[in-house]
Amino acid sequence: MRLLIRWVLNAATLLALAFYLPGIEVSGWYAALITALVLGLVNAIIRPIILLLTLPITVLTLGLFTLVINAVLFWFVGTVVEGFSVAGFWPAFWGALIMSVVSWIVGLVFKKK
């Protein structure tokens, strides 16, 4: 049940991002739900591989390169999912940053006891 609630809250966050951030567009709830699912899968499967491959750059930048990786993956999902688009790097950067913070807060709230 917690997983479904987190999924819906992430989709709602995507809709809010599309409303407030120029450059991010979501066509509706269905696209937001699919985008949240794909974004979760990309972050679970592709992100660890990219983090491992870019470990020297991440160490040199004291971890700030991770923000760039998050933005690029957010932008990538915008090209893959129909009904979700990201217009460039900076909307992807801010969208990924806000999504990460909201996902972290939701994870704290729905943490297993």
N, C-alpha and C. Protein backbone atom coordinates (compact mmCIF):
# COMPACT_ATOMS: atom_id res chain seq x y z
N MET A 1 0.82 -1.19 0.00
CA MET A 1 0.00 0.00 0.00
C MET A 1 0.87 1.27 0.00
N ARG A 2 1.97 1.22 0.75
CA ARG A 2 2.87 2.37 0.80
C ARG A 2 3.46 2.69 -0.57
N LEU A 3 3.77 1.64 -1.30
CA LEU A 3 4.34 1.83 -2.63
C LEU A 3 3.37 2.56 -3.56
N LEU A 4 2.10 2.20 -3.50
CA LEU A 4 1.10 2.86 -4.34
C LEU A 4 0.93 4.32 -3.95
N ILE A 5 0.94 4.59 -2.66
CA ILE A 5 0.81 5.98 -2.19
C ILE A 5 2.01 6.80 -2.65
N ARG A 6 3.21 6.24 -2.52
CA ARG A 6 4.41 6.95 -2.97
C ARG A 6 4.38 7.20 -4.47
N TRP A 7 3.88 6.22 -5.23
CA TRP A 7 3.79 6.35 -6.67
C TRP A 7 2.83 7.48 -7.05
N VAL A 8 1.67 7.53 -6.42
CA VAL A 8 0.69 8.58 -6.71
C VAL A 8 1.22 9.95 -6.27
N LEU A 9 1.89 10.02 -5.13
CA LEU A 9 2.45 11.30 -4.70
C LEU A 9 3.56 11.79 -5.63
N ASN A 10 4.37 10.87 -6.16
CA ASN A 10 5.38 11.28 -7.14
C ASN A 10 4.73 11.76 -8.44
N ALA A 11 3.65 11.12 -8.84
CA ALA A 11 2.93 11.57 -10.03
C ALA A 11 2.32 12.95 -9.79
N ALA A 12 1.78 13.18 -8.60
CA ALA A 12 1.23 14.49 -8.28
C ALA A 12 2.32 15.55 -8.26
N THR A 13 3.51 15.17 -7.80
CA THR A 13 4.64 16.10 -7.83
C THR A 13 5.01 16.46 -9.26
N LEU A 14 4.98 15.47 -10.15
CA LEU A 14 5.26 15.75 -11.56
C LEU A 14 4.24 16.72 -12.15
N LEU A 15 2.97 16.54 -11.80
CA LEU A 15 1.94 17.46 -12.28
C LEU A 15 2.16 18.86 -11.74
N ALA A 16 2.56 18.96 -10.48
CA ALA A 16 2.84 20.27 -9.89
C ALA A 16 4.06 20.91 -10.56
N LEU A 17 5.07 20.11 -10.85
CA LEU A 17 6.25 20.63 -11.55
C LEU A 17 5.87 21.19 -12.91
N ALA A 18 5.00 20.47 -13.61
CA ALA A 18 4.57 20.93 -14.93
C ALA A 18 3.79 22.23 -14.83
N PHE A 19 3.09 22.41 -13.73
CA PHE A 19 2.30 23.63 -13.54
C PHE A 19 3.18 24.82 -13.19
N TYR A 20 4.21 24.61 -12.38
CA TYR A 20 5.01 25.71 -11.86
C TYR A 20 6.31 25.97 -12.62
N LEU A 21 6.92 24.95 -13.22
CA LEU A 21 8.19 25.13 -13.91
C LEU A 21 7.99 25.23 -15.41
N PRO A 22 8.42 26.32 -16.01
CA PRO A 22 8.35 26.37 -17.48
C PRO A 22 9.37 25.41 -18.08
N GLY A 23 8.96 24.73 -19.14
CA GLY A 23 9.85 23.78 -19.79
C GLY A 23 9.54 22.33 -19.49
N ILE A 24 8.66 22.09 -18.52
CA ILE A 24 8.24 20.73 -18.21
C ILE A 24 6.74 20.64 -18.49
N GLU A 25 6.36 19.66 -19.28
CA GLU A 25 4.95 19.49 -19.65
C GLU A 25 4.52 18.05 -19.40
N VAL A 26 3.35 17.91 -18.77
CA VAL A 26 2.74 16.60 -18.54
C VAL A 26 1.31 16.70 -19.05
N SER A 27 0.91 15.74 -19.87
CA SER A 27 -0.40 15.85 -20.52
C SER A 27 -1.56 15.48 -19.59
N GLY A 28 -1.33 14.76 -18.52
CA GLY A 28 -2.42 14.40 -17.61
C GLY A 28 -1.96 13.40 -16.56
N TRP A 29 -2.93 12.91 -15.79
CA TRP A 29 -2.63 11.98 -14.71
C TRP A 29 -2.01 10.69 -15.22
N TYR A 30 -2.55 10.18 -16.31
CA TYR A 30 -2.03 8.92 -16.85
C TYR A 30 -0.55 9.06 -17.22
N ALA A 31 -0.22 10.13 -17.92
CA ALA A 31 1.18 10.36 -18.30
C ALA A 31 2.05 10.56 -17.06
N ALA A 32 1.52 11.23 -16.04
CA ALA A 32 2.28 11.45 -14.81
C ALA A 32 2.54 10.12 -14.09
N LEU A 33 1.55 9.25 -14.05
CA LEU A 33 1.73 7.95 -13.40
C LEU A 33 2.75 7.10 -14.14
N ILE A 34 2.67 7.08 -15.47
CA ILE A 34 3.63 6.31 -16.25
C ILE A 34 5.03 6.90 -16.10
N THR A 35 5.12 8.24 -16.11
CA THR A 35 6.42 8.90 -15.95
C THR A 35 7.03 8.59 -14.59
N ALA A 36 6.22 8.63 -13.53
CA ALA A 36 6.72 8.31 -12.19
C ALA A 36 7.23 6.88 -12.14
N LEU A 37 6.54 5.97 -12.80
CA LEU A 37 6.96 4.58 -12.84
C LEU A 37 8.28 4.42 -13.60
N VAL A 38 8.37 5.02 -14.78
CA VAL A 38 9.59 4.92 -15.58
C VAL A 38 10.76 5.61 -14.88
N LEU A 39 10.49 6.75 -14.26
CA LEU A 39 11.54 7.46 -13.53
C LEU A 39 12.06 6.62 -12.36
N GLY A 40 11.18 5.94 -11.68
CA GLY A 40 11.61 5.04 -10.60
C GLY A 40 12.44 3.88 -11.12
N LEU A 41 12.04 3.31 -12.25
CA LEU A 41 12.81 2.20 -12.83
C LEU A 41 14.18 2.67 -13.32
N VAL A 42 14.22 3.84 -13.94
CA VAL A 42 15.50 4.37 -14.42
C VAL A 42 16.42 4.65 -13.24
N ASN A 43 15.87 5.22 -12.17
CA ASN A 43 16.69 5.51 -10.99
C ASN A 43 17.14 4.24 -10.28
N ALA A 44 16.38 3.18 -10.40
CA ALA A 44 16.76 1.93 -9.74
C ALA A 44 17.73 1.09 -10.56
N ILE A 45 17.66 1.18 -11.90
CA ILE A 45 18.46 0.30 -12.74
C ILE A 45 19.64 1.02 -13.39
N ILE A 46 19.37 2.13 -14.07
CA ILE A 46 20.41 2.80 -14.86
C ILE A 46 21.28 3.71 -14.00
N ARG A 47 20.69 4.41 -13.05
CA ARG A 47 21.42 5.39 -12.24
C ARG A 47 22.62 4.80 -11.49
N PRO A 48 22.50 3.63 -10.84
CA PRO A 48 23.68 3.09 -10.15
C PRO A 48 24.84 2.76 -11.10
N ILE A 49 24.51 2.32 -12.30
CA ILE A 49 25.57 2.01 -13.27
C ILE A 49 26.29 3.29 -13.69
N ILE A 50 25.52 4.34 -13.98
CA ILE A 50 26.12 5.61 -14.38
C ILE A 50 26.93 6.21 -13.23
N LEU A 51 26.41 6.10 -12.01
CA LEU A 51 27.16 6.62 -10.86
C LEU A 51 28.49 5.90 -10.69
N LEU A 52 28.50 4.61 -10.93
CA LEU A 52 29.75 3.86 -10.82
C LEU A 52 30.73 4.25 -11.92
N LEU A 53 30.23 4.44 -13.12
CA LEU A 53 31.10 4.82 -14.23
C LEU A 53 31.66 6.23 -14.10
N THR A 54 30.92 7.11 -13.46
CA THR A 54 31.36 8.51 -13.32
C THR A 54 31.89 8.80 -11.92
N LEU A 55 32.29 7.77 -11.21
CA LEU A 55 32.76 7.95 -9.85
C LEU A 55 33.95 8.91 -9.73
N PRO A 56 34.95 8.86 -10.62
CA PRO A 56 36.06 9.83 -10.48
C PRO A 56 35.61 11.29 -10.61
N ILE A 57 34.71 11.56 -11.56
CA ILE A 57 34.22 12.93 -11.71
C ILE A 57 33.39 13.34 -10.49
N THR A 58 32.61 12.41 -9.97
CA THR A 58 31.80 12.70 -8.79
C THR A 58 32.68 13.01 -7.59
N VAL A 59 33.76 12.28 -7.42
CA VAL A 59 34.68 12.53 -6.31
C VAL A 59 35.37 13.88 -6.49
N LEU A 60 35.79 14.19 -7.71
CA LEU A 60 36.45 15.48 -7.96
C LEU A 60 35.53 16.67 -7.70
N THR A 61 34.25 16.51 -7.98
CA THR A 61 33.31 17.61 -7.78
C THR A 61 32.62 17.54 -6.42
N LEU A 62 33.12 16.68 -5.54
CA LEU A 62 32.57 16.51 -4.20
C LEU A 62 31.09 16.14 -4.20
N GLY A 63 30.69 15.34 -5.18
CA GLY A 63 29.32 14.84 -5.25
C GLY A 63 28.36 15.69 -6.04
N LEU A 64 28.77 16.87 -6.47
CA LEU A 64 27.86 17.75 -7.20
C LEU A 64 27.52 17.23 -8.60
N PHE A 65 28.37 16.38 -9.15
CA PHE A 65 28.09 15.81 -10.47
C PHE A 65 26.87 14.90 -10.43
N THR A 66 26.51 14.43 -9.26
CA THR A 66 25.31 13.61 -9.11
C THR A 66 24.07 14.39 -9.50
N LEU A 67 24.06 15.69 -9.24
CA LEU A 67 22.94 16.53 -9.66
C LEU A 67 22.81 16.57 -11.17
N VAL A 68 23.94 16.59 -11.85
CA VAL A 68 23.94 16.58 -13.32
C VAL A 68 23.41 15.25 -13.83
N ILE A 69 23.82 14.16 -13.21
CA ILE A 69 23.35 12.83 -13.60
C ILE A 69 21.84 12.74 -13.41
N ASN A 70 21.34 13.23 -12.29
CA ASN A 70 19.89 13.22 -12.05
C ASN A 70 19.15 14.02 -13.12
N ALA A 71 19.69 15.17 -13.48
CA ALA A 71 19.06 16.01 -14.50
C ALA A 71 19.04 15.32 -15.85
N VAL A 72 20.14 14.69 -16.22
CA VAL A 72 20.22 14.01 -17.51
C VAL A 72 19.25 12.83 -17.56
N LEU A 73 19.13 12.09 -16.48
CA LEU A 73 18.19 10.97 -16.45
C LEU A 73 16.74 11.47 -16.49
N PHE A 74 16.44 12.58 -15.82
CA PHE A 74 15.11 13.18 -15.86
C PHE A 74 14.80 13.62 -17.29
N TRP A 75 15.77 14.22 -17.94
CA TRP A 75 15.63 14.66 -19.33
C TRP A 75 15.43 13.45 -20.25
N PHE A 76 16.17 12.39 -19.99
CA PHE A 76 16.04 11.16 -20.77
C PHE A 76 14.64 10.58 -20.68
N VAL A 77 14.09 10.55 -19.48
CA VAL A 77 12.73 10.04 -19.30
C VAL A 77 11.74 10.91 -20.07
N GLY A 78 12.03 12.20 -20.16
CA GLY A 78 11.18 13.10 -20.93
C GLY A 78 11.17 12.77 -22.42
N THR A 79 12.24 12.17 -22.92
CA THR A 79 12.28 11.79 -24.33
C THR A 79 11.66 10.42 -24.57
N VAL A 80 11.58 9.60 -23.54
CA VAL A 80 11.09 8.23 -23.69
C VAL A 80 9.57 8.14 -23.50
N VAL A 81 9.04 8.83 -22.52
CA VAL A 81 7.63 8.70 -22.16
C VAL A 81 6.78 9.66 -22.99
N GLU A 82 5.74 9.11 -23.59
CA GLU A 82 4.79 9.91 -24.36
C GLU A 82 3.90 10.71 -23.41
N GLY A 83 3.76 11.99 -23.65
CA GLY A 83 2.93 12.83 -22.79
C GLY A 83 3.71 13.56 -21.72
N PHE A 84 5.02 13.34 -21.65
CA PHE A 84 5.89 14.02 -20.71
C PHE A 84 7.08 14.55 -21.48
N SER A 85 7.31 15.86 -21.39
CA SER A 85 8.44 16.43 -22.12
C SER A 85 9.17 17.45 -21.26
N VAL A 86 10.48 17.49 -21.47
CA VAL A 86 11.35 18.44 -20.78
C VAL A 86 12.08 19.22 -21.85
N ALA A 87 12.04 20.55 -21.76
CA ALA A 87 12.52 21.42 -22.84
C ALA A 87 14.03 21.61 -22.88
N GLY A 88 14.74 21.30 -21.83
CA GLY A 88 16.17 21.52 -21.84
C GLY A 88 16.82 21.06 -20.55
N PHE A 89 18.11 21.41 -20.42
CA PHE A 89 18.85 20.94 -19.25
C PHE A 89 18.38 21.62 -17.97
N TRP A 90 18.20 22.93 -17.98
CA TRP A 90 17.86 23.62 -16.73
C TRP A 90 16.48 23.25 -16.20
N PRO A 91 15.44 23.13 -17.03
CA PRO A 91 14.19 22.60 -16.48
C PRO A 91 14.36 21.18 -15.94
N ALA A 92 15.19 20.37 -16.62
CA ALA A 92 15.45 19.01 -16.12
C ALA A 92 16.19 19.05 -14.80
N PHE A 93 17.15 19.97 -14.67
CA PHE A 93 17.92 20.10 -13.43
C PHE A 93 17.00 20.45 -12.26
N TRP A 94 16.19 21.50 -12.43
CA TRP A 94 15.32 21.92 -11.34
C TRP A 94 14.22 20.89 -11.08
N GLY A 95 13.71 20.28 -12.13
CA GLY A 95 12.69 19.24 -11.95
C GLY A 95 13.23 18.04 -11.21
N ALA A 96 14.43 17.60 -11.57
CA ALA A 96 15.04 16.45 -10.89
C ALA A 96 15.36 16.78 -9.44
N LEU A 97 15.83 18.01 -9.20
CA LEU A 97 16.15 18.42 -7.83
C LEU A 97 14.90 18.43 -6.95
N ILE A 98 13.83 19.01 -7.45
CA ILE A 98 12.58 19.07 -6.68
C ILE A 98 11.99 17.68 -6.50
N MET A 99 12.03 16.85 -7.56
CA MET A 99 11.53 15.48 -7.44
C MET A 99 12.33 14.69 -6.41
N SER A 100 13.63 14.88 -6.37
CA SER A 100 14.46 14.18 -5.39
C SER A 100 14.11 14.58 -3.97
N VAL A 101 13.94 15.86 -3.75
CA VAL A 101 13.62 16.35 -2.40
C VAL A 101 12.24 15.84 -1.97
N VAL A 102 11.26 15.93 -2.86
CA VAL A 102 9.91 15.47 -2.51
C VAL A 102 9.90 13.96 -2.28
N SER A 103 10.60 13.21 -3.12
CA SER A 103 10.67 11.75 -2.93
C SER A 103 11.34 11.39 -1.62
N TRP A 104 12.36 12.15 -1.26
CA TRP A 104 13.04 11.92 0.02
C TRP A 104 12.09 12.18 1.19
N ILE A 105 11.34 13.27 1.14
CA ILE A 105 10.39 13.60 2.20
C ILE A 105 9.28 12.55 2.28
N VAL A 106 8.75 12.14 1.12
CA VAL A 106 7.72 11.10 1.10
C VAL A 106 8.28 9.79 1.66
N GLY A 107 9.52 9.47 1.33
CA GLY A 107 10.15 8.27 1.88
C GLY A 107 10.29 8.32 3.39
N LEU A 108 10.58 9.51 3.92
CA LEU A 108 10.66 9.65 5.38
C LEU A 108 9.30 9.47 6.04
N VAL A 109 8.27 10.02 5.41
CA VAL A 109 6.92 9.94 5.98
C VAL A 109 6.41 8.50 5.96
N PHE A 110 6.64 7.79 4.86
CA PHE A 110 6.13 6.43 4.72
C PHE A 110 7.18 5.37 4.99
N LYS A 111 8.10 5.68 5.87
CA LYS A 111 9.17 4.76 6.23
C LYS A 111 8.60 3.59 7.04
N LYS A 112 9.12 2.38 6.75
CA LYS A 112 8.70 1.22 7.54
C LYS A 112 9.21 1.34 8.95
N LYS A 113 8.39 0.91 9.89
CA LYS A 113 8.77 1.01 11.29
C LYS A 113 9.39 -0.27 11.80
